[in-house]
Amino acid sequence: MSYQEKNITVAMVSHLLILAYYFFNLFPIIQSGDWVANRLYALWLVVIVATILVTIIGSILTNIILSIVEAIRSRKYEDPRFITDERDHLIELKGIRIEYITYSIGVLSSILAFIFGQPPLLMISTIFAFGILAEIAGDIAKITLYRRGL
């Protein structure tokens, strides 16, 4: 597994965990119909900070742990190679395209929900959810493209 695939996998797992946390805390608000702005603001803040911190810390720890495991397994240490080539850039761009398409669909659906009478806080919550879903869709597309050997 290449350096890029490891980072994408860690990012995808962290995004999945954050999305699960977001939905776990959002569904009680939706079911109660009690759209309290302060509760949602706190939830959004936690999701944004967790996305940044968990992705960065997870990537760093994964690279350290996998380097140690590889050094123990092969009984020699080699400096990890963090080289990216044109193929990596192409895969990154295709993943970003999938992210933008997914996010655009989410923004459109949240605007339509608002037009049809849903609360504005639901619209913004939907945009947040689709932001995380877009990251997951982009990560899946990138891993798929790496596995196909594009």
N, C-alpha and C. Protein backbone atom coordinates (compact mmCIF):
# COMPACT_ATOMS: atom_id res chain seq x y z
N MET A 1 0.86 -1.17 0.00
CA MET A 1 0.00 0.00 0.00
C MET A 1 0.90 1.23 0.00
N SER A 2 0.62 2.14 -0.89
CA SER A 2 1.46 3.33 -1.01
C SER A 2 1.13 4.35 0.08
N TYR A 3 1.99 5.34 0.16
CA TYR A 3 1.82 6.41 1.15
C TYR A 3 0.47 7.11 0.96
N GLN A 4 0.13 7.39 -0.30
CA GLN A 4 -1.12 8.08 -0.58
C GLN A 4 -2.33 7.22 -0.19
N GLU A 5 -2.27 5.93 -0.50
CA GLU A 5 -3.38 5.05 -0.15
C GLU A 5 -3.57 4.96 1.37
N LYS A 6 -2.48 4.92 2.10
CA LYS A 6 -2.58 4.89 3.56
C LYS A 6 -3.25 6.16 4.09
N ASN A 7 -2.82 7.30 3.59
CA ASN A 7 -3.41 8.56 4.05
C ASN A 7 -4.88 8.67 3.67
N ILE A 8 -5.23 8.22 2.47
CA ILE A 8 -6.63 8.27 2.04
C ILE A 8 -7.48 7.34 2.91
N THR A 9 -6.96 6.17 3.22
CA THR A 9 -7.70 5.22 4.05
C THR A 9 -7.92 5.77 5.46
N VAL A 10 -6.89 6.36 6.03
CA VAL A 10 -7.03 6.96 7.36
C VAL A 10 -8.04 8.10 7.33
N ALA A 11 -7.97 8.93 6.31
CA ALA A 11 -8.92 10.04 6.19
C ALA A 11 -10.34 9.52 6.04
N MET A 12 -10.52 8.47 5.25
CA MET A 12 -11.86 7.93 5.03
C MET A 12 -12.43 7.35 6.33
N VAL A 13 -11.62 6.61 7.06
CA VAL A 13 -12.09 6.04 8.33
C VAL A 13 -12.43 7.15 9.31
N SER A 14 -11.60 8.17 9.39
CA SER A 14 -11.91 9.26 10.31
C SER A 14 -13.16 10.01 9.88
N HIS A 15 -13.36 10.20 8.58
CA HIS A 15 -14.58 10.85 8.11
C HIS A 15 -15.81 10.00 8.41
N LEU A 16 -15.69 8.68 8.26
CA LEU A 16 -16.82 7.80 8.58
C LEU A 16 -17.18 7.88 10.07
N LEU A 17 -16.16 7.89 10.93
CA LEU A 17 -16.43 8.00 12.37
C LEU A 17 -17.06 9.34 12.73
N ILE A 18 -16.58 10.40 12.11
CA ILE A 18 -17.14 11.73 12.39
C ILE A 18 -18.57 11.83 11.87
N LEU A 19 -18.83 11.24 10.70
CA LEU A 19 -20.19 11.25 10.16
C LEU A 19 -21.13 10.46 11.07
N ALA A 20 -20.67 9.33 11.58
CA ALA A 20 -21.49 8.55 12.51
C ALA A 20 -21.78 9.36 13.77
N TYR A 21 -20.77 10.03 14.31
CA TYR A 21 -20.97 10.89 15.48
C TYR A 21 -21.97 12.00 15.17
N TYR A 22 -21.84 12.62 14.00
CA TYR A 22 -22.73 13.72 13.61
C TYR A 22 -24.18 13.24 13.53
N PHE A 23 -24.40 12.11 12.84
CA PHE A 23 -25.76 11.60 12.71
C PHE A 23 -26.31 11.12 14.05
N PHE A 24 -25.45 10.53 14.87
CA PHE A 24 -25.88 10.05 16.18
C PHE A 24 -26.38 11.21 17.04
N ASN A 25 -25.77 12.37 16.92
CA ASN A 25 -26.20 13.54 17.69
C ASN A 25 -27.25 14.38 16.97
N LEU A 26 -27.36 14.25 15.66
CA LEU A 26 -28.32 15.05 14.91
C LEU A 26 -29.72 14.41 14.91
N PHE A 27 -29.80 13.08 14.87
CA PHE A 27 -31.10 12.44 14.79
C PHE A 27 -32.01 12.73 15.99
N PRO A 28 -31.51 12.78 17.21
CA PRO A 28 -32.42 13.17 18.32
C PRO A 28 -32.98 14.58 18.15
N ILE A 29 -32.19 15.47 17.58
CA ILE A 29 -32.68 16.83 17.34
C ILE A 29 -33.77 16.81 16.29
N ILE A 30 -33.57 16.04 15.23
CA ILE A 30 -34.56 15.95 14.15
C ILE A 30 -35.84 15.31 14.67
N GLN A 31 -35.72 14.23 15.44
CA GLN A 31 -36.90 13.53 15.93
C GLN A 31 -37.72 14.36 16.91
N SER A 32 -37.03 15.15 17.72
CA SER A 32 -37.77 15.96 18.68
C SER A 32 -38.39 17.19 18.02
N GLY A 33 -37.86 17.57 16.86
CA GLY A 33 -38.36 18.76 16.19
C GLY A 33 -37.95 20.04 16.88
N ASP A 34 -37.06 19.93 17.84
CA ASP A 34 -36.61 21.07 18.63
C ASP A 34 -35.30 21.60 18.04
N TRP A 35 -35.42 22.53 17.12
CA TRP A 35 -34.25 23.07 16.41
C TRP A 35 -33.66 24.21 17.23
N VAL A 36 -32.88 23.85 18.23
CA VAL A 36 -32.22 24.83 19.08
C VAL A 36 -30.88 25.17 18.44
N ALA A 37 -30.70 26.44 18.15
CA ALA A 37 -29.50 26.86 17.42
C ALA A 37 -28.23 26.59 18.22
N ASN A 38 -28.25 26.81 19.52
CA ASN A 38 -27.04 26.62 20.32
C ASN A 38 -26.56 25.17 20.30
N ARG A 39 -27.49 24.21 20.35
CA ARG A 39 -27.11 22.80 20.29
C ARG A 39 -26.48 22.47 18.94
N LEU A 40 -27.06 23.00 17.87
CA LEU A 40 -26.52 22.73 16.54
C LEU A 40 -25.18 23.42 16.32
N TYR A 41 -25.04 24.65 16.82
CA TYR A 41 -23.75 25.34 16.69
C TYR A 41 -22.64 24.56 17.38
N ALA A 42 -22.94 24.05 18.56
CA ALA A 42 -21.94 23.26 19.29
C ALA A 42 -21.60 21.98 18.53
N LEU A 43 -22.61 21.34 17.97
CA LEU A 43 -22.39 20.12 17.19
C LEU A 43 -21.54 20.41 15.95
N TRP A 44 -21.86 21.48 15.25
CA TRP A 44 -21.09 21.83 14.05
C TRP A 44 -19.64 22.16 14.40
N LEU A 45 -19.44 22.86 15.50
CA LEU A 45 -18.09 23.21 15.93
C LEU A 45 -17.28 21.95 16.25
N VAL A 46 -17.90 21.01 16.96
CA VAL A 46 -17.22 19.76 17.29
C VAL A 46 -16.87 19.00 16.01
N VAL A 47 -17.79 18.95 15.06
CA VAL A 47 -17.54 18.22 13.82
C VAL A 47 -16.41 18.86 13.02
N ILE A 48 -16.39 20.17 12.93
CA ILE A 48 -15.33 20.85 12.17
C ILE A 48 -13.97 20.63 12.82
N VAL A 49 -13.89 20.84 14.12
CA VAL A 49 -12.61 20.67 14.82
C VAL A 49 -12.17 19.21 14.78
N ALA A 50 -13.09 18.29 14.98
CA ALA A 50 -12.74 16.86 14.95
C ALA A 50 -12.27 16.43 13.57
N THR A 51 -12.89 16.95 12.53
CA THR A 51 -12.46 16.60 11.18
C THR A 51 -11.02 17.02 10.94
N ILE A 52 -10.68 18.19 11.36
CA ILE A 52 -9.32 18.68 11.16
C ILE A 52 -8.33 17.90 12.02
N LEU A 53 -8.60 17.82 13.31
CA LEU A 53 -7.64 17.20 14.22
C LEU A 53 -7.50 15.70 14.02
N VAL A 54 -8.62 15.00 13.88
CA VAL A 54 -8.56 13.55 13.75
C VAL A 54 -7.86 13.15 12.45
N THR A 55 -8.11 13.86 11.38
CA THR A 55 -7.46 13.53 10.12
C THR A 55 -5.95 13.76 10.20
N ILE A 56 -5.53 14.86 10.76
CA ILE A 56 -4.10 15.16 10.87
C ILE A 56 -3.41 14.19 11.83
N ILE A 57 -3.95 14.04 13.02
CA ILE A 57 -3.33 13.17 14.01
C ILE A 57 -3.36 11.72 13.55
N GLY A 58 -4.46 11.30 12.95
CA GLY A 58 -4.55 9.93 12.45
C GLY A 58 -3.54 9.64 11.36
N SER A 59 -3.35 10.60 10.47
CA SER A 59 -2.37 10.42 9.40
C SER A 59 -0.95 10.32 9.95
N ILE A 60 -0.61 11.18 10.88
CA ILE A 60 0.73 11.17 11.46
C ILE A 60 0.98 9.87 12.23
N LEU A 61 0.04 9.49 13.08
CA LEU A 61 0.22 8.27 13.86
C LEU A 61 0.27 7.03 12.98
N THR A 62 -0.54 6.97 11.95
CA THR A 62 -0.52 5.83 11.05
C THR A 62 0.82 5.71 10.35
N ASN A 63 1.35 6.82 9.87
CA ASN A 63 2.64 6.76 9.20
C ASN A 63 3.76 6.34 10.15
N ILE A 64 3.72 6.82 11.38
CA ILE A 64 4.74 6.44 12.36
C ILE A 64 4.64 4.96 12.68
N ILE A 65 3.43 4.50 12.99
CA ILE A 65 3.24 3.10 13.37
C ILE A 65 3.59 2.17 12.22
N LEU A 66 3.16 2.48 11.01
CA LEU A 66 3.46 1.61 9.88
C LEU A 66 4.95 1.61 9.54
N SER A 67 5.63 2.72 9.75
CA SER A 67 7.08 2.75 9.54
C SER A 67 7.80 1.87 10.55
N ILE A 68 7.34 1.92 11.79
CA ILE A 68 7.94 1.07 12.83
C ILE A 68 7.69 -0.40 12.53
N VAL A 69 6.47 -0.75 12.16
CA VAL A 69 6.14 -2.14 11.84
C VAL A 69 6.96 -2.62 10.65
N GLU A 70 7.09 -1.81 9.63
CA GLU A 70 7.88 -2.19 8.45
C GLU A 70 9.35 -2.36 8.79
N ALA A 71 9.89 -1.50 9.65
CA ALA A 71 11.28 -1.62 10.06
C ALA A 71 11.51 -2.89 10.88
N ILE A 72 10.58 -3.24 11.74
CA ILE A 72 10.70 -4.46 12.52
C ILE A 72 10.58 -5.68 11.62
N ARG A 73 9.66 -5.63 10.69
CA ARG A 73 9.41 -6.78 9.81
C ARG A 73 10.59 -7.04 8.88
N SER A 74 11.16 -6.00 8.31
CA SER A 74 12.26 -6.18 7.36
C SER A 74 13.64 -6.10 8.02
N ARG A 75 13.67 -5.77 9.30
CA ARG A 75 14.90 -5.65 10.09
C ARG A 75 15.87 -4.62 9.53
N LYS A 76 15.35 -3.66 8.80
CA LYS A 76 16.15 -2.52 8.37
C LYS A 76 15.22 -1.34 8.18
N TYR A 77 15.78 -0.18 8.29
CA TYR A 77 14.97 1.04 8.19
C TYR A 77 15.28 1.73 6.87
N GLU A 78 14.22 2.05 6.15
CA GLU A 78 14.35 2.83 4.93
C GLU A 78 13.51 4.08 5.10
N ASP A 79 14.06 5.19 4.67
CA ASP A 79 13.28 6.43 4.74
C ASP A 79 12.05 6.30 3.86
N PRO A 80 10.89 6.67 4.39
CA PRO A 80 9.69 6.61 3.55
C PRO A 80 9.79 7.61 2.40
N ARG A 81 9.25 7.20 1.28
CA ARG A 81 9.29 8.06 0.10
C ARG A 81 7.94 8.73 -0.06
N PHE A 82 7.97 10.04 -0.03
CA PHE A 82 6.76 10.83 -0.14
C PHE A 82 6.70 11.52 -1.50
N ILE A 83 7.04 10.80 -2.52
CA ILE A 83 7.09 11.36 -3.87
C ILE A 83 5.72 11.21 -4.52
N THR A 84 5.26 12.27 -5.14
CA THR A 84 4.02 12.21 -5.91
C THR A 84 4.36 12.47 -7.37
N ASP A 85 3.67 11.78 -8.24
CA ASP A 85 3.90 11.97 -9.66
C ASP A 85 2.61 12.44 -10.32
N GLU A 86 2.62 12.46 -11.65
CA GLU A 86 1.45 12.96 -12.37
C GLU A 86 0.22 12.09 -12.16
N ARG A 87 0.44 10.79 -12.02
CA ARG A 87 -0.68 9.88 -11.77
C ARG A 87 -1.36 10.22 -10.45
N ASP A 88 -0.57 10.51 -9.42
CA ASP A 88 -1.14 10.89 -8.13
C ASP A 88 -1.94 12.18 -8.23
N HIS A 89 -1.43 13.12 -8.99
CA HIS A 89 -2.16 14.39 -9.17
C HIS A 89 -3.46 14.17 -9.95
N LEU A 90 -3.42 13.29 -10.95
CA LEU A 90 -4.62 12.99 -11.73
C LEU A 90 -5.67 12.31 -10.86
N ILE A 91 -5.24 11.36 -10.05
CA ILE A 91 -6.18 10.68 -9.14
C ILE A 91 -6.76 11.68 -8.15
N GLU A 92 -5.92 12.57 -7.63
CA GLU A 92 -6.40 13.61 -6.70
C GLU A 92 -7.46 14.49 -7.36
N LEU A 93 -7.22 14.89 -8.60
CA LEU A 93 -8.18 15.74 -9.30
C LEU A 93 -9.50 15.01 -9.57
N LYS A 94 -9.43 13.73 -9.93
CA LYS A 94 -10.66 12.98 -10.16
C LYS A 94 -11.44 12.80 -8.85
N GLY A 95 -10.73 12.60 -7.75
CA GLY A 95 -11.39 12.50 -6.46
C GLY A 95 -12.05 13.81 -6.06
N ILE A 96 -11.37 14.90 -6.32
CA ILE A 96 -11.94 16.22 -6.02
C ILE A 96 -13.18 16.48 -6.86
N ARG A 97 -13.17 16.03 -8.12
CA ARG A 97 -14.35 16.20 -8.97
C ARG A 97 -15.54 15.46 -8.38
N ILE A 98 -15.32 14.23 -7.90
CA ILE A 98 -16.40 13.46 -7.26
C ILE A 98 -16.89 14.18 -6.01
N GLU A 99 -15.96 14.75 -5.23
CA GLU A 99 -16.34 15.49 -4.02
C GLU A 99 -17.20 16.69 -4.38
N TYR A 100 -16.82 17.43 -5.39
CA TYR A 100 -17.60 18.62 -5.78
C TYR A 100 -18.99 18.24 -6.28
N ILE A 101 -19.08 17.18 -7.05
CA ILE A 101 -20.39 16.74 -7.54
C ILE A 101 -21.29 16.33 -6.38
N THR A 102 -20.74 15.54 -5.46
CA THR A 102 -21.52 15.10 -4.30
C THR A 102 -21.96 16.28 -3.44
N TYR A 103 -21.03 17.20 -3.20
CA TYR A 103 -21.36 18.36 -2.38
C TYR A 103 -22.39 19.25 -3.07
N SER A 104 -22.28 19.40 -4.38
CA SER A 104 -23.25 20.22 -5.13
C SER A 104 -24.64 19.62 -5.06
N ILE A 105 -24.73 18.31 -5.16
CA ILE A 105 -26.04 17.65 -5.02
C ILE A 105 -26.60 17.90 -3.62
N GLY A 106 -25.75 17.85 -2.62
CA GLY A 106 -26.20 18.11 -1.25
C GLY A 106 -26.68 19.52 -1.05
N VAL A 107 -25.95 20.49 -1.61
CA VAL A 107 -26.37 21.89 -1.48
C VAL A 107 -27.69 22.11 -2.20
N LEU A 108 -27.83 21.53 -3.38
CA LEU A 108 -29.08 21.67 -4.12
C LEU A 108 -30.25 21.05 -3.35
N SER A 109 -30.04 19.86 -2.79
CA SER A 109 -31.13 19.23 -2.05
C SER A 109 -31.47 20.00 -0.77
N SER A 110 -30.47 20.59 -0.12
CA SER A 110 -30.78 21.36 1.09
C SER A 110 -31.50 22.66 0.75
N ILE A 111 -31.16 23.27 -0.36
CA ILE A 111 -31.87 24.48 -0.79
C ILE A 111 -33.31 24.15 -1.15
N LEU A 112 -33.50 23.02 -1.84
CA LEU A 112 -34.87 22.61 -2.18
C LEU A 112 -35.68 22.31 -0.92
N ALA A 113 -35.05 21.69 0.08
CA ALA A 113 -35.76 21.43 1.34
C ALA A 113 -36.17 22.74 2.00
N PHE A 114 -35.29 23.73 1.95
CA PHE A 114 -35.61 25.04 2.53
C PHE A 114 -36.75 25.71 1.75
N ILE A 115 -36.71 25.60 0.44
CA ILE A 115 -37.77 26.21 -0.39
C ILE A 115 -39.12 25.58 -0.07
N PHE A 116 -39.13 24.28 0.22
CA PHE A 116 -40.38 23.60 0.50
C PHE A 116 -40.78 23.63 1.97
N GLY A 117 -40.21 24.57 2.72
CA GLY A 117 -40.72 24.87 4.05
C GLY A 117 -39.98 24.26 5.22
N GLN A 118 -38.83 23.65 5.01
CA GLN A 118 -38.07 23.10 6.13
C GLN A 118 -37.31 24.22 6.84
N PRO A 119 -36.97 24.03 8.11
CA PRO A 119 -36.26 25.08 8.86
C PRO A 119 -34.87 25.35 8.29
N PRO A 120 -34.40 26.58 8.41
CA PRO A 120 -33.06 26.92 7.91
C PRO A 120 -31.95 26.11 8.58
N LEU A 121 -32.12 25.77 9.85
CA LEU A 121 -31.10 24.99 10.53
C LEU A 121 -30.99 23.58 9.96
N LEU A 122 -32.09 23.04 9.44
CA LEU A 122 -32.05 21.75 8.76
C LEU A 122 -31.26 21.88 7.46
N MET A 123 -31.45 22.99 6.77
CA MET A 123 -30.72 23.21 5.53
C MET A 123 -29.22 23.22 5.79
N ILE A 124 -28.78 23.93 6.80
CA ILE A 124 -27.35 24.01 7.09
C ILE A 124 -26.84 22.66 7.60
N SER A 125 -27.65 21.95 8.38
CA SER A 125 -27.24 20.62 8.86
C SER A 125 -27.07 19.66 7.69
N THR A 126 -27.95 19.76 6.71
CA THR A 126 -27.83 18.92 5.52
C THR A 126 -26.57 19.26 4.73
N ILE A 127 -26.25 20.53 4.65
CA ILE A 127 -25.02 20.94 3.96
C ILE A 127 -23.80 20.37 4.68
N PHE A 128 -23.79 20.41 6.01
CA PHE A 128 -22.68 19.83 6.78
C PHE A 128 -22.57 18.33 6.50
N ALA A 129 -23.71 17.62 6.53
CA ALA A 129 -23.69 16.18 6.30
C ALA A 129 -23.16 15.86 4.90
N PHE A 130 -23.61 16.60 3.92
CA PHE A 130 -23.13 16.34 2.56
C PHE A 130 -21.67 16.74 2.38
N GLY A 131 -21.18 17.67 3.17
CA GLY A 131 -19.76 17.99 3.13
C GLY A 131 -18.91 16.80 3.55
N ILE A 132 -19.33 16.13 4.61
CA ILE A 132 -18.60 14.94 5.07
C ILE A 132 -18.81 13.79 4.10
N LEU A 133 -20.03 13.62 3.61
CA LEU A 133 -20.29 12.56 2.62
C LEU A 133 -19.48 12.78 1.35
N ALA A 134 -19.29 14.02 0.95
CA ALA A 134 -18.50 14.31 -0.24
C ALA A 134 -17.04 13.89 -0.03
N GLU A 135 -16.51 14.14 1.16
CA GLU A 135 -15.15 13.70 1.47
C GLU A 135 -15.04 12.18 1.39
N ILE A 136 -16.02 11.48 1.92
CA ILE A 136 -16.01 10.02 1.89
C ILE A 136 -16.11 9.52 0.46
N ALA A 137 -16.99 10.12 -0.34
CA ALA A 137 -17.13 9.71 -1.74
C ALA A 137 -15.83 9.95 -2.52
N GLY A 138 -15.18 11.07 -2.26
CA GLY A 138 -13.91 11.35 -2.91
C GLY A 138 -12.83 10.37 -2.49
N ASP A 139 -12.80 10.02 -1.21
CA ASP A 139 -11.81 9.05 -0.72
C ASP A 139 -12.04 7.68 -1.35
N ILE A 140 -13.30 7.26 -1.46
CA ILE A 140 -13.61 5.97 -2.09
C ILE A 140 -13.18 5.99 -3.56
N ALA A 141 -13.44 7.09 -4.24
CA ALA A 141 -13.04 7.20 -5.64
C ALA A 141 -11.51 7.13 -5.78
N LYS A 142 -10.79 7.81 -4.90
CA LYS A 142 -9.32 7.80 -4.98
C LYS A 142 -8.76 6.41 -4.72
N ILE A 143 -9.29 5.73 -3.70
CA ILE A 143 -8.81 4.37 -3.40
C ILE A 143 -9.10 3.44 -4.57
N THR A 144 -10.29 3.58 -5.14
CA THR A 144 -10.65 2.75 -6.30
C THR A 144 -9.70 3.01 -7.46
N LEU A 145 -9.39 4.25 -7.72
CA LEU A 145 -8.49 4.58 -8.82
C LEU A 145 -7.07 4.08 -8.55
N TYR A 146 -6.61 4.14 -7.31
CA TYR A 146 -5.29 3.58 -6.98
C TYR A 146 -5.28 2.08 -7.16
N ARG A 147 -6.36 1.43 -6.75
CA ARG A 147 -6.42 -0.04 -6.86
C ARG A 147 -6.50 -0.49 -8.32
N ARG A 148 -7.18 0.29 -9.16
CA ARG A 148 -7.25 -0.06 -10.58
C ARG A 148 -5.93 0.22 -11.29
N GLY A 149 -5.09 1.03 -10.66
CA GLY A 149 -3.80 1.31 -11.26
C GLY A 149 -3.85 2.38 -12.33
N LEU A 150 -4.75 3.32 -12.17
CA LEU A 150 -4.90 4.38 -13.16
C LEU A 150 -3.63 5.18 -13.29
